[in-house]
N, C-alpha and C. Protein backbone atom coordinates (compact mmCIF):
# COMPACT_ATOMS: atom_id res chain seq x y z
N UNK A 1 0.80 -1.25 -0.10
CA UNK A 1 -0.10 0.06 0.06
C UNK A 1 0.97 1.19 0.09
N UNK A 2 1.98 1.11 0.74
CA UNK A 2 2.88 2.45 0.77
C UNK A 2 3.23 2.68 -0.48
N UNK A 3 3.90 1.57 -1.37
CA UNK A 3 4.43 1.93 -2.66
C UNK A 3 3.28 2.47 -3.66
N UNK A 4 2.07 2.03 -3.42
CA UNK A 4 0.91 2.67 -4.19
C UNK A 4 0.82 4.16 -3.89
N UNK A 5 0.94 4.44 -2.65
CA UNK A 5 0.90 5.89 -2.28
C UNK A 5 1.86 6.72 -2.91
N UNK A 6 3.10 6.11 -2.76
CA UNK A 6 4.16 6.98 -3.51
C UNK A 6 4.03 7.01 -5.02
N UNK A 7 3.39 5.93 -5.62
CA UNK A 7 3.15 6.04 -7.09
C UNK A 7 2.14 7.13 -7.34
N UNK A 8 1.09 7.07 -6.46
CA UNK A 8 0.04 8.10 -6.65
C UNK A 8 0.63 9.53 -6.69
N UNK A 9 1.41 9.75 -5.49
CA UNK A 9 2.03 11.03 -5.17
C UNK A 9 2.99 11.59 -6.38
N UNK A 10 3.83 10.58 -6.90
CA UNK A 10 4.63 10.96 -7.91
C UNK A 10 3.67 11.37 -9.26
N UNK A 11 2.57 10.61 -9.62
CA UNK A 11 1.83 10.78 -10.68
C UNK A 11 1.00 12.18 -10.50
N UNK A 12 0.54 12.47 -9.32
CA UNK A 12 -0.13 13.74 -9.00
C UNK A 12 0.91 14.87 -9.25
N UNK A 13 2.09 14.83 -8.79
CA UNK A 13 3.13 15.83 -8.83
C UNK A 13 3.55 16.11 -10.04
N UNK A 14 3.54 14.98 -11.11
CA UNK A 14 3.83 15.44 -12.49
C UNK A 14 2.56 15.95 -13.40
N UNK A 15 1.54 15.92 -12.75
CA UNK A 15 0.26 16.47 -13.40
C UNK A 15 0.33 18.00 -13.32
N UNK A 16 0.35 18.50 -14.53
CA UNK A 16 0.56 20.01 -14.75
C UNK A 16 -0.72 20.84 -14.20
N UNK A 17 -1.78 20.13 -13.93
CA UNK A 17 -2.97 20.77 -13.41
C UNK A 17 -2.99 20.76 -11.89
N UNK A 18 -2.12 20.13 -11.08
CA UNK A 18 -1.96 20.16 -9.73
C UNK A 18 -0.64 20.69 -9.15
N UNK A 19 -0.70 21.48 -8.11
CA UNK A 19 0.45 22.01 -7.66
C UNK A 19 0.86 21.06 -6.57
N UNK A 20 2.14 21.38 -6.09
CA UNK A 20 2.58 20.50 -4.90
C UNK A 20 1.90 20.80 -3.76
N UNK A 21 1.33 21.91 -3.55
CA UNK A 21 0.38 22.25 -2.47
C UNK A 21 -0.95 21.24 -2.48
N UNK A 22 -1.41 21.06 -3.84
CA UNK A 22 -2.56 20.32 -3.84
C UNK A 22 -2.26 18.88 -3.48
N UNK A 23 -1.12 18.48 -3.89
CA UNK A 23 -0.47 17.07 -3.58
C UNK A 23 -0.54 16.94 -1.91
N UNK A 24 0.14 17.92 -1.44
CA UNK A 24 0.27 17.85 -0.06
C UNK A 24 -1.02 17.83 0.65
N UNK A 25 -2.02 18.44 0.23
CA UNK A 25 -3.37 18.43 0.77
C UNK A 25 -3.91 16.97 0.67
N UNK A 26 -3.84 16.53 -0.48
CA UNK A 26 -4.49 15.17 -0.82
C UNK A 26 -3.70 14.00 -0.10
N UNK A 27 -2.50 14.22 0.15
CA UNK A 27 -1.85 13.07 0.96
C UNK A 27 -1.99 13.27 2.49
N UNK A 28 -2.38 14.48 2.85
CA UNK A 28 -2.46 14.92 4.33
C UNK A 28 -1.07 15.23 5.06
N UNK A 29 -0.10 15.52 4.27
CA UNK A 29 1.20 15.78 4.81
C UNK A 29 1.14 17.16 5.70
N UNK A 30 1.68 17.20 6.90
CA UNK A 30 1.56 18.48 7.56
C UNK A 30 2.55 19.51 7.04
N UNK A 31 3.48 19.03 6.26
CA UNK A 31 4.73 20.01 5.85
C UNK A 31 4.99 19.67 4.45
N UNK A 32 5.16 20.69 3.76
CA UNK A 32 5.25 20.62 2.24
C UNK A 32 6.76 19.89 1.93
N UNK A 33 7.68 20.06 2.87
CA UNK A 33 8.94 19.47 2.66
C UNK A 33 8.79 17.97 2.63
N UNK A 34 7.74 17.52 3.34
CA UNK A 34 7.52 16.00 3.39
C UNK A 34 7.11 15.41 2.05
N UNK A 35 6.00 16.30 1.46
CA UNK A 35 5.66 16.08 0.17
C UNK A 35 6.73 16.14 -0.87
N UNK A 36 7.48 17.16 -0.82
CA UNK A 36 8.58 17.31 -1.87
C UNK A 36 9.61 16.20 -1.70
N UNK A 37 9.96 15.77 -0.54
CA UNK A 37 10.73 14.70 -0.27
C UNK A 37 10.30 13.45 -1.18
N UNK A 38 9.11 13.35 -1.25
CA UNK A 38 8.55 11.97 -1.87
C UNK A 38 8.35 12.21 -3.35
N UNK A 39 7.78 13.47 -3.71
CA UNK A 39 7.33 13.87 -5.10
C UNK A 39 8.41 14.33 -5.93
N UNK A 40 9.51 14.91 -5.49
CA UNK A 40 10.50 15.42 -6.33
C UNK A 40 11.77 14.49 -6.70
N UNK A 41 11.40 13.26 -6.37
CA UNK A 41 12.33 12.20 -6.87
C UNK A 41 12.50 12.22 -8.38
N UNK A 42 13.48 11.94 -9.00
CA UNK A 42 13.66 11.92 -10.40
C UNK A 42 13.81 10.46 -10.84
N UNK A 43 13.36 10.05 -11.89
CA UNK A 43 13.61 8.75 -12.41
C UNK A 43 14.99 8.90 -13.12
N UNK A 44 15.81 7.97 -12.77
CA UNK A 44 17.20 7.85 -13.33
C UNK A 44 17.33 7.95 -14.75
N UNK A 45 16.31 7.27 -15.47
CA UNK A 45 16.46 7.30 -16.99
C UNK A 45 16.11 8.60 -17.55
N UNK A 46 15.26 9.41 -16.83
CA UNK A 46 14.85 10.80 -17.37
C UNK A 46 16.01 11.69 -17.02
N UNK A 47 16.87 11.56 -15.92
CA UNK A 47 17.80 12.40 -15.71
C UNK A 47 19.09 12.08 -16.83
N UNK A 48 19.18 10.94 -16.89
CA UNK A 48 20.35 10.57 -18.02
C UNK A 48 19.83 11.18 -19.42
N UNK A 49 18.77 11.07 -19.78
CA UNK A 49 18.18 11.60 -21.07
C UNK A 49 18.39 13.12 -21.09
N UNK A 50 17.97 13.83 -20.02
CA UNK A 50 18.15 15.18 -20.16
C UNK A 50 19.49 15.74 -20.19
N UNK A 51 20.45 14.95 -19.41
CA UNK A 51 21.84 15.25 -19.49
C UNK A 51 22.38 15.05 -20.84
N UNK A 52 22.01 13.89 -21.49
CA UNK A 52 22.46 13.58 -22.76
C UNK A 52 22.10 14.69 -23.79
N UNK A 53 20.78 15.04 -23.67
CA UNK A 53 20.21 16.19 -24.51
C UNK A 53 20.97 17.40 -24.29
N UNK A 54 21.32 17.89 -23.07
CA UNK A 54 22.20 18.91 -22.81
C UNK A 54 23.38 18.94 -23.40
N UNK A 55 24.04 17.78 -23.29
CA UNK A 55 25.41 17.69 -23.95
C UNK A 55 25.34 17.67 -25.28
N UNK A 56 24.45 17.20 -25.96
CA UNK A 56 24.29 17.26 -27.40
C UNK A 56 24.14 18.61 -27.92
N UNK A 57 23.24 19.31 -27.17
CA UNK A 57 22.96 20.76 -27.58
C UNK A 57 24.14 21.56 -27.38
N UNK A 58 25.11 21.37 -26.34
CA UNK A 58 26.10 22.13 -26.00
C UNK A 58 27.30 21.83 -27.17
N UNK A 59 27.32 20.65 -27.52
CA UNK A 59 28.27 20.21 -28.64
C UNK A 59 27.83 20.92 -29.90
N UNK A 60 26.49 21.08 -30.14
CA UNK A 60 26.07 21.41 -31.40
C UNK A 60 26.39 23.11 -31.46
N UNK A 61 26.26 23.78 -30.18
CA UNK A 61 26.49 25.16 -30.07
C UNK A 61 28.01 25.48 -30.37
N UNK A 62 28.78 24.54 -29.75
CA UNK A 62 30.32 24.70 -29.91
C UNK A 62 30.77 24.53 -31.42
N UNK A 63 30.03 23.86 -32.29
CA UNK A 63 30.34 23.66 -33.57
C UNK A 63 29.87 24.84 -34.48
N UNK A 64 28.86 25.62 -34.07
CA UNK A 64 28.40 26.77 -34.83
C UNK A 64 29.37 27.90 -34.68
N UNK A 65 29.18 28.65 -35.82
CA UNK A 65 30.26 29.68 -36.11
C UNK A 65 30.12 30.69 -34.88
N UNK A 66 31.39 30.97 -34.38
CA UNK A 66 31.27 32.07 -33.24
C UNK A 66 30.61 33.42 -33.62
N UNK A 67 29.98 34.01 -32.70
CA UNK A 67 29.43 35.34 -32.76
C UNK A 67 30.51 36.40 -32.74
N UNK A 68 30.60 37.49 -33.45
CA UNK A 68 31.47 38.44 -33.46
C UNK A 68 31.54 39.07 -32.14
N UNK A 69 32.85 39.29 -31.75
CA UNK A 69 32.93 39.98 -30.33
C UNK A 69 32.48 41.37 -30.42
N UNK A 70 31.78 41.99 -29.49
CA UNK A 70 31.42 43.42 -29.24
C UNK A 70 32.58 44.32 -29.49
N UNK A 71 32.48 45.31 -30.08
CA UNK A 71 33.55 46.24 -30.29
C UNK A 71 33.87 46.89 -28.84
N UNK A 72 35.16 46.90 -28.46
CA UNK A 72 35.51 47.48 -27.29
C UNK A 72 35.53 46.57 -26.12
N UNK A 73 35.18 45.35 -26.40
CA UNK A 73 35.24 44.34 -25.28
C UNK A 73 36.19 43.18 -25.53
N UNK A 74 36.86 42.68 -24.65
CA UNK A 74 37.80 41.53 -24.93
C UNK A 74 37.00 40.28 -24.86
N UNK A 75 37.33 39.36 -25.77
CA UNK A 75 36.73 38.12 -25.85
C UNK A 75 36.68 37.37 -24.59
N UNK A 76 37.67 37.21 -23.91
CA UNK A 76 37.77 36.50 -22.70
C UNK A 76 36.94 37.08 -21.65
N UNK A 77 36.77 38.36 -21.45
CA UNK A 77 35.92 39.00 -20.65
C UNK A 77 34.47 38.56 -20.78
N UNK A 78 34.08 38.77 -22.20
CA UNK A 78 32.72 38.43 -22.51
C UNK A 78 32.44 36.88 -22.16
N UNK A 79 33.44 35.98 -22.50
CA UNK A 79 33.23 34.60 -22.16
C UNK A 79 32.89 34.30 -20.78
N UNK A 80 33.57 34.89 -19.73
CA UNK A 80 33.25 35.06 -18.39
C UNK A 80 31.81 35.31 -18.18
N UNK A 81 31.45 36.46 -18.60
CA UNK A 81 30.15 37.18 -18.45
C UNK A 81 29.03 36.22 -19.05
N UNK A 82 29.27 35.49 -19.97
CA UNK A 82 28.38 34.72 -20.66
C UNK A 82 28.47 33.27 -20.21
N UNK A 83 28.97 32.96 -18.95
CA UNK A 83 29.01 31.49 -18.62
C UNK A 83 30.10 30.69 -19.10
N UNK A 84 30.93 31.29 -19.87
CA UNK A 84 32.11 30.40 -20.35
C UNK A 84 31.80 29.76 -21.62
N UNK A 85 30.70 30.21 -22.30
CA UNK A 85 30.23 29.82 -23.69
C UNK A 85 31.26 30.42 -24.62
N UNK A 86 31.58 29.71 -25.77
CA UNK A 86 32.48 30.31 -26.74
C UNK A 86 31.84 31.31 -27.39
N UNK A 87 32.69 32.31 -27.77
CA UNK A 87 32.05 33.64 -28.57
C UNK A 87 32.54 33.65 -29.81
């Protein structure tokens, strides 16, 4: 029964029509942190897929032609300000 409760909590938390506060109320948790601890767990396969997509997008951006450096600014300074992305 406990596993069923967790499954229901996860499914409700992933429903775009329900907020985490809604799920907390339905589950009867006194604290939102209890609900978050149960509902905000990520499926390992989903995390791996998102990281792979992020790395693929990053690689694609690195292969694109660099943007021209703004006149009057050093490319290294702009790279730091832009999070280390190639300019």
